[in-house]
Amino acid sequence: MPIIKSAKKRVRVAKKATVRNVKTKRGLKAALKSFQSAVTGGKKTAASAHDKVQSNLDKAGKKGIMHKNKVARKKRQLAAALKAGGVKNTVGTKKTVSKKPVAKKVTAKKGTAKKTPRKK
């Protein structure tokens, strides 16, 4: 058990971080399992499960629980598994948005604008 005040605080902080990291890892494992079962079962929910897994992987990478290269590798492997399962990957596709008509610029009629006197 630490004696120094700062060391005691580090123990408290480490406990909080451990709880946070375990929670993130547990969510990631659950999402991976549901994705694997959806892909092997041929369910149509595999695409939504893939979205959840990618989100959890990104969170783990952002928090430093997993290395960013490992996160990228896992995402690539999951996308390949999704494609091999015969499910179309909808992540990152552009959604069609109806464009609103742009208002035309109103220009002043010729000769109505005030002219500024030139400096001599």
N, C-alpha and C. Protein backbone atom coordinates (compact mmCIF):
# COMPACT_ATOMS: atom_id res chain seq x y z
N MET A 1 0.85 -1.18 0.00
CA MET A 1 0.00 0.00 0.00
C MET A 1 0.89 1.24 0.00
N PRO A 2 0.57 2.20 -0.88
CA PRO A 2 1.42 3.40 -0.95
C PRO A 2 1.26 4.28 0.29
N ILE A 3 2.32 4.99 0.58
CA ILE A 3 2.33 5.88 1.74
C ILE A 3 2.20 7.33 1.29
N ILE A 4 2.86 7.66 0.19
CA ILE A 4 2.88 9.03 -0.30
C ILE A 4 1.51 9.40 -0.86
N LYS A 5 1.13 10.65 -0.65
CA LYS A 5 -0.19 11.13 -1.05
C LYS A 5 -0.43 11.01 -2.55
N SER A 6 0.56 11.39 -3.36
CA SER A 6 0.40 11.31 -4.81
C SER A 6 0.28 9.87 -5.29
N ALA A 7 0.97 8.96 -4.63
CA ALA A 7 0.89 7.55 -4.99
C ALA A 7 -0.49 6.98 -4.67
N LYS A 8 -1.06 7.45 -3.56
CA LYS A 8 -2.41 7.01 -3.21
C LYS A 8 -3.41 7.48 -4.27
N LYS A 9 -3.22 8.72 -4.71
CA LYS A 9 -4.11 9.25 -5.75
C LYS A 9 -3.96 8.44 -7.03
N ARG A 10 -2.74 8.08 -7.40
CA ARG A 10 -2.53 7.29 -8.62
C ARG A 10 -3.25 5.95 -8.53
N VAL A 11 -3.31 5.36 -7.36
CA VAL A 11 -4.03 4.10 -7.17
C VAL A 11 -5.52 4.31 -7.42
N ARG A 12 -6.07 5.43 -6.87
CA ARG A 12 -7.49 5.73 -7.08
C ARG A 12 -7.78 5.96 -8.56
N VAL A 13 -6.94 6.74 -9.22
CA VAL A 13 -7.14 7.04 -10.63
C VAL A 13 -7.04 5.77 -11.47
N ALA A 14 -6.09 4.90 -11.13
CA ALA A 14 -5.92 3.66 -11.88
C ALA A 14 -7.15 2.75 -11.74
N LYS A 15 -7.74 2.74 -10.55
CA LYS A 15 -8.96 1.93 -10.35
C LYS A 15 -10.10 2.43 -11.23
N LYS A 16 -10.26 3.77 -11.30
CA LYS A 16 -11.32 4.33 -12.13
C LYS A 16 -11.08 4.01 -13.60
N ALA A 17 -9.83 4.14 -14.04
CA ALA A 17 -9.50 3.85 -15.44
C ALA A 17 -9.72 2.38 -15.76
N THR A 18 -9.41 1.52 -14.81
CA THR A 18 -9.59 0.08 -15.02
C THR A 18 -11.07 -0.24 -15.21
N VAL A 19 -11.91 0.34 -14.39
CA VAL A 19 -13.35 0.12 -14.52
C VAL A 19 -13.85 0.60 -15.87
N ARG A 20 -13.39 1.79 -16.29
CA ARG A 20 -13.79 2.35 -17.57
C ARG A 20 -13.32 1.47 -18.74
N ASN A 21 -12.07 1.00 -18.65
CA ASN A 21 -11.52 0.17 -19.72
C ASN A 21 -12.22 -1.18 -19.80
N VAL A 22 -12.53 -1.76 -18.66
CA VAL A 22 -13.22 -3.06 -18.64
C VAL A 22 -14.60 -2.93 -19.27
N LYS A 23 -15.27 -1.83 -18.97
CA LYS A 23 -16.60 -1.59 -19.53
C LYS A 23 -16.53 -1.49 -21.05
N THR A 24 -15.53 -0.76 -21.56
CA THR A 24 -15.38 -0.61 -23.01
C THR A 24 -15.04 -1.94 -23.66
N LYS A 25 -14.14 -2.71 -23.04
CA LYS A 25 -13.75 -4.01 -23.60
C LYS A 25 -14.93 -4.98 -23.61
N ARG A 26 -15.74 -4.95 -22.54
CA ARG A 26 -16.89 -5.84 -22.45
C ARG A 26 -17.90 -5.51 -23.55
N GLY A 27 -18.13 -4.22 -23.79
CA GLY A 27 -19.05 -3.82 -24.85
C GLY A 27 -18.54 -4.23 -26.22
N LEU A 28 -17.24 -4.13 -26.41
CA LEU A 28 -16.63 -4.52 -27.68
C LEU A 28 -16.76 -6.02 -27.90
N LYS A 29 -16.50 -6.80 -26.87
CA LYS A 29 -16.60 -8.26 -27.01
C LYS A 29 -18.03 -8.68 -27.31
N ALA A 30 -18.99 -8.05 -26.65
CA ALA A 30 -20.40 -8.38 -26.89
C ALA A 30 -20.80 -8.03 -28.32
N ALA A 31 -20.33 -6.88 -28.80
CA ALA A 31 -20.65 -6.46 -30.17
C ALA A 31 -20.01 -7.41 -31.19
N LEU A 32 -18.78 -7.85 -30.91
CA LEU A 32 -18.11 -8.79 -31.81
C LEU A 32 -18.86 -10.12 -31.88
N LYS A 33 -19.31 -10.61 -30.72
CA LYS A 33 -20.04 -11.87 -30.69
C LYS A 33 -21.35 -11.77 -31.46
N SER A 34 -22.07 -10.67 -31.28
CA SER A 34 -23.34 -10.52 -31.99
C SER A 34 -23.11 -10.38 -33.49
N PHE A 35 -22.01 -9.73 -33.87
CA PHE A 35 -21.68 -9.61 -35.29
C PHE A 35 -21.35 -10.98 -35.89
N GLN A 36 -20.53 -11.75 -35.19
CA GLN A 36 -20.15 -13.07 -35.70
C GLN A 36 -21.37 -13.98 -35.84
N SER A 37 -22.26 -13.93 -34.85
CA SER A 37 -23.46 -14.78 -34.93
C SER A 37 -24.39 -14.32 -36.05
N ALA A 38 -24.44 -13.01 -36.30
CA ALA A 38 -25.28 -12.48 -37.37
C ALA A 38 -24.72 -12.86 -38.73
N VAL A 39 -23.41 -12.83 -38.88
CA VAL A 39 -22.79 -13.17 -40.17
C VAL A 39 -22.91 -14.66 -40.45
N THR A 40 -22.63 -15.49 -39.45
CA THR A 40 -22.70 -16.94 -39.66
C THR A 40 -24.15 -17.40 -39.83
N GLY A 41 -25.06 -16.72 -39.19
CA GLY A 41 -26.47 -17.08 -39.31
C GLY A 41 -27.10 -16.55 -40.58
N GLY A 42 -26.42 -15.67 -41.27
CA GLY A 42 -26.94 -15.11 -42.51
C GLY A 42 -28.09 -14.14 -42.29
N LYS A 43 -28.10 -13.51 -41.14
CA LYS A 43 -29.18 -12.57 -40.83
C LYS A 43 -28.97 -11.25 -41.55
N LYS A 44 -30.05 -10.54 -41.73
CA LYS A 44 -29.97 -9.22 -42.37
C LYS A 44 -29.51 -8.15 -41.39
N THR A 45 -29.43 -8.49 -40.11
CA THR A 45 -29.01 -7.53 -39.10
C THR A 45 -27.48 -7.44 -39.02
N ALA A 46 -26.79 -8.16 -39.87
CA ALA A 46 -25.33 -8.16 -39.83
C ALA A 46 -24.77 -6.77 -40.12
N ALA A 47 -25.42 -6.02 -41.01
CA ALA A 47 -24.93 -4.68 -41.35
C ALA A 47 -25.03 -3.76 -40.13
N SER A 48 -26.13 -3.83 -39.40
CA SER A 48 -26.26 -2.97 -38.21
C SER A 48 -25.30 -3.42 -37.12
N ALA A 49 -25.08 -4.73 -37.01
CA ALA A 49 -24.11 -5.23 -36.04
C ALA A 49 -22.70 -4.79 -36.41
N HIS A 50 -22.43 -4.73 -37.71
CA HIS A 50 -21.13 -4.26 -38.19
C HIS A 50 -20.92 -2.80 -37.81
N ASP A 51 -21.95 -1.99 -37.93
CA ASP A 51 -21.86 -0.57 -37.54
C ASP A 51 -21.53 -0.43 -36.06
N LYS A 52 -22.18 -1.26 -35.22
CA LYS A 52 -21.95 -1.19 -33.78
C LYS A 52 -20.52 -1.61 -33.43
N VAL A 53 -20.03 -2.65 -34.10
CA VAL A 53 -18.67 -3.12 -33.84
C VAL A 53 -17.66 -2.05 -34.24
N GLN A 54 -17.88 -1.44 -35.39
CA GLN A 54 -16.96 -0.39 -35.83
C GLN A 54 -16.96 0.78 -34.86
N SER A 55 -18.12 1.14 -34.37
CA SER A 55 -18.22 2.24 -33.40
C SER A 55 -17.45 1.90 -32.13
N ASN A 56 -17.64 0.68 -31.63
CA ASN A 56 -16.94 0.26 -30.42
C ASN A 56 -15.44 0.18 -30.63
N LEU A 57 -15.02 -0.27 -31.81
CA LEU A 57 -13.59 -0.31 -32.10
C LEU A 57 -12.99 1.09 -32.12
N ASP A 58 -13.71 2.02 -32.74
CA ASP A 58 -13.23 3.40 -32.79
C ASP A 58 -13.10 3.99 -31.38
N LYS A 59 -14.08 3.70 -30.53
CA LYS A 59 -14.03 4.20 -29.16
C LYS A 59 -12.83 3.61 -28.41
N ALA A 60 -12.59 2.31 -28.60
CA ALA A 60 -11.46 1.66 -27.94
C ALA A 60 -10.14 2.25 -28.41
N GLY A 61 -10.05 2.55 -29.70
CA GLY A 61 -8.84 3.16 -30.23
C GLY A 61 -8.65 4.57 -29.73
N LYS A 62 -9.74 5.31 -29.62
CA LYS A 62 -9.67 6.70 -29.16
C LYS A 62 -9.25 6.77 -27.69
N LYS A 63 -9.73 5.83 -26.90
CA LYS A 63 -9.41 5.83 -25.47
C LYS A 63 -8.06 5.21 -25.16
N GLY A 64 -7.41 4.63 -26.19
CA GLY A 64 -6.09 4.06 -25.98
C GLY A 64 -6.12 2.64 -25.45
N ILE A 65 -7.27 2.01 -25.48
CA ILE A 65 -7.37 0.63 -25.02
C ILE A 65 -6.76 -0.31 -26.05
N MET A 66 -6.96 0.02 -27.32
CA MET A 66 -6.38 -0.74 -28.42
C MET A 66 -5.53 0.20 -29.26
N HIS A 67 -4.48 -0.34 -29.87
CA HIS A 67 -3.64 0.47 -30.74
C HIS A 67 -4.40 0.80 -32.01
N LYS A 68 -4.14 1.96 -32.58
CA LYS A 68 -4.90 2.40 -33.75
C LYS A 68 -4.71 1.47 -34.94
N ASN A 69 -3.53 0.88 -35.08
CA ASN A 69 -3.31 -0.05 -36.20
C ASN A 69 -4.08 -1.35 -36.00
N LYS A 70 -4.19 -1.78 -34.76
CA LYS A 70 -4.98 -2.98 -34.47
C LYS A 70 -6.45 -2.73 -34.76
N VAL A 71 -6.91 -1.53 -34.42
CA VAL A 71 -8.30 -1.15 -34.70
C VAL A 71 -8.55 -1.18 -36.20
N ALA A 72 -7.62 -0.61 -36.97
CA ALA A 72 -7.77 -0.58 -38.43
C ALA A 72 -7.77 -1.99 -39.00
N ARG A 73 -6.89 -2.84 -38.48
CA ARG A 73 -6.82 -4.22 -38.95
C ARG A 73 -8.11 -4.97 -38.66
N LYS A 74 -8.64 -4.80 -37.44
CA LYS A 74 -9.90 -5.47 -37.06
C LYS A 74 -11.05 -5.00 -37.94
N LYS A 75 -11.10 -3.69 -38.20
CA LYS A 75 -12.19 -3.16 -39.03
C LYS A 75 -12.11 -3.73 -40.44
N ARG A 76 -10.89 -3.86 -40.96
CA ARG A 76 -10.71 -4.43 -42.29
C ARG A 76 -11.15 -5.90 -42.31
N GLN A 77 -10.78 -6.66 -41.27
CA GLN A 77 -11.15 -8.07 -41.19
C GLN A 77 -12.67 -8.24 -41.08
N LEU A 78 -13.30 -7.37 -40.31
CA LEU A 78 -14.75 -7.46 -40.15
C LEU A 78 -15.48 -7.12 -41.44
N ALA A 79 -14.96 -6.13 -42.17
CA ALA A 79 -15.57 -5.78 -43.45
C ALA A 79 -15.44 -6.94 -44.44
N ALA A 80 -14.30 -7.62 -44.40
CA ALA A 80 -14.10 -8.77 -45.29
C ALA A 80 -15.04 -9.91 -44.91
N ALA A 81 -15.24 -10.11 -43.60
CA ALA A 81 -16.15 -11.16 -43.14
C ALA A 81 -17.58 -10.84 -43.54
N LEU A 82 -17.93 -9.57 -43.47
CA LEU A 82 -19.28 -9.14 -43.86
C LEU A 82 -19.50 -9.38 -45.34
N LYS A 83 -18.50 -9.06 -46.14
CA LYS A 83 -18.59 -9.25 -47.59
C LYS A 83 -18.65 -10.74 -47.93
N ALA A 84 -17.87 -11.54 -47.22
CA ALA A 84 -17.87 -12.99 -47.47
C ALA A 84 -19.21 -13.61 -47.06
N GLY A 85 -19.87 -12.99 -46.09
CA GLY A 85 -21.17 -13.48 -45.65
C GLY A 85 -22.29 -13.13 -46.62
N GLY A 86 -21.97 -12.34 -47.63
CA GLY A 86 -22.97 -11.98 -48.64
C GLY A 86 -23.83 -10.80 -48.28
N VAL A 87 -23.38 -10.00 -47.33
CA VAL A 87 -24.14 -8.83 -46.91
C VAL A 87 -23.46 -7.60 -47.49
N LYS A 88 -24.27 -6.69 -48.04
CA LYS A 88 -23.71 -5.47 -48.61
C LYS A 88 -23.34 -4.51 -47.50
N ASN A 89 -22.12 -3.98 -47.58
CA ASN A 89 -21.62 -3.04 -46.58
C ASN A 89 -22.14 -1.65 -46.92
N THR A 90 -22.90 -1.06 -46.02
CA THR A 90 -23.48 0.26 -46.28
C THR A 90 -22.75 1.36 -45.55
N VAL A 91 -21.68 1.04 -44.86
CA VAL A 91 -20.94 2.05 -44.11
C VAL A 91 -20.12 2.89 -45.07
N GLY A 92 -20.21 4.19 -44.91
CA GLY A 92 -19.41 5.10 -45.71
C GLY A 92 -19.99 5.42 -47.07
N THR A 93 -21.19 4.93 -47.37
CA THR A 93 -21.79 5.26 -48.66
C THR A 93 -22.49 6.59 -48.54
N LYS A 94 -22.50 7.31 -49.66
CA LYS A 94 -23.15 8.62 -49.67
C LYS A 94 -24.66 8.45 -49.72
N LYS A 95 -25.33 9.25 -48.94
CA LYS A 95 -26.78 9.27 -48.98
C LYS A 95 -27.20 10.37 -49.95
N THR A 96 -28.21 10.08 -50.74
CA THR A 96 -28.66 11.09 -51.69
C THR A 96 -29.50 12.12 -50.95
N VAL A 97 -29.14 13.35 -51.12
CA VAL A 97 -29.85 14.44 -50.47
C VAL A 97 -30.44 15.31 -51.56
N SER A 98 -31.72 15.59 -51.43
CA SER A 98 -32.35 16.43 -52.45
C SER A 98 -31.85 17.86 -52.27
N LYS A 99 -31.41 18.42 -53.37
CA LYS A 99 -30.88 19.78 -53.32
C LYS A 99 -32.00 20.78 -53.45
N LYS A 100 -31.94 21.80 -52.63
CA LYS A 100 -32.92 22.88 -52.71
C LYS A 100 -32.50 23.84 -53.80
N PRO A 101 -33.44 24.45 -54.47
CA PRO A 101 -33.06 25.41 -55.49
C PRO A 101 -32.37 26.62 -54.85
N VAL A 102 -31.31 27.05 -55.49
CA VAL A 102 -30.54 28.16 -54.97
C VAL A 102 -31.16 29.46 -55.45
N ALA A 103 -31.32 30.39 -54.53
CA ALA A 103 -31.90 31.68 -54.89
C ALA A 103 -30.92 32.44 -55.77
N LYS A 104 -31.46 33.07 -56.81
CA LYS A 104 -30.61 33.83 -57.72
C LYS A 104 -30.24 35.16 -57.07
N LYS A 105 -29.05 35.63 -57.43
CA LYS A 105 -28.58 36.91 -56.92
C LYS A 105 -29.33 38.03 -57.61
N VAL A 106 -29.77 38.97 -56.82
CA VAL A 106 -30.47 40.12 -57.38
C VAL A 106 -29.42 41.19 -57.65
N THR A 107 -29.36 41.60 -58.90
CA THR A 107 -28.40 42.64 -59.26
C THR A 107 -29.14 43.95 -59.48
N ALA A 108 -28.47 45.04 -59.19
CA ALA A 108 -29.07 46.36 -59.36
C ALA A 108 -29.16 46.68 -60.85
N LYS A 109 -30.20 47.42 -61.20
CA LYS A 109 -30.36 47.81 -62.61
C LYS A 109 -29.28 48.81 -62.98
N LYS A 110 -28.98 48.81 -64.22
CA LYS A 110 -27.91 49.68 -64.71
C LYS A 110 -28.34 51.14 -64.55
N GLY A 111 -27.44 51.93 -63.97
CA GLY A 111 -27.70 53.36 -63.83
C GLY A 111 -28.39 53.73 -62.53
N THR A 112 -28.86 52.75 -61.72
CA THR A 112 -29.54 53.08 -60.48
C THR A 112 -28.59 53.14 -59.30
N ALA A 113 -27.43 52.54 -59.44
CA ALA A 113 -26.48 52.54 -58.34
C ALA A 113 -25.82 53.92 -58.23
N LYS A 114 -25.55 54.33 -57.00
CA LYS A 114 -24.89 55.63 -56.79
C LYS A 114 -23.44 55.51 -57.17
N LYS A 115 -22.98 56.53 -57.82
CA LYS A 115 -21.59 56.55 -58.21
C LYS A 115 -20.81 57.36 -57.19
N THR A 116 -19.66 56.84 -56.83
CA THR A 116 -18.81 57.56 -55.89
C THR A 116 -17.88 58.46 -56.67
N PRO A 117 -17.68 59.67 -56.19
CA PRO A 117 -16.80 60.60 -56.92
C PRO A 117 -15.36 60.12 -56.83
N ARG A 118 -14.65 60.29 -57.91
CA ARG A 118 -13.25 59.90 -57.96
C ARG A 118 -12.40 60.94 -57.25
N LYS A 119 -11.35 60.47 -56.63
CA LYS A 119 -10.40 61.38 -56.00
C LYS A 119 -9.41 61.85 -57.05
N LYS A 120 -9.08 63.15 -56.99
CA LYS A 120 -8.16 63.72 -57.96
C LYS A 120 -6.79 63.95 -57.37
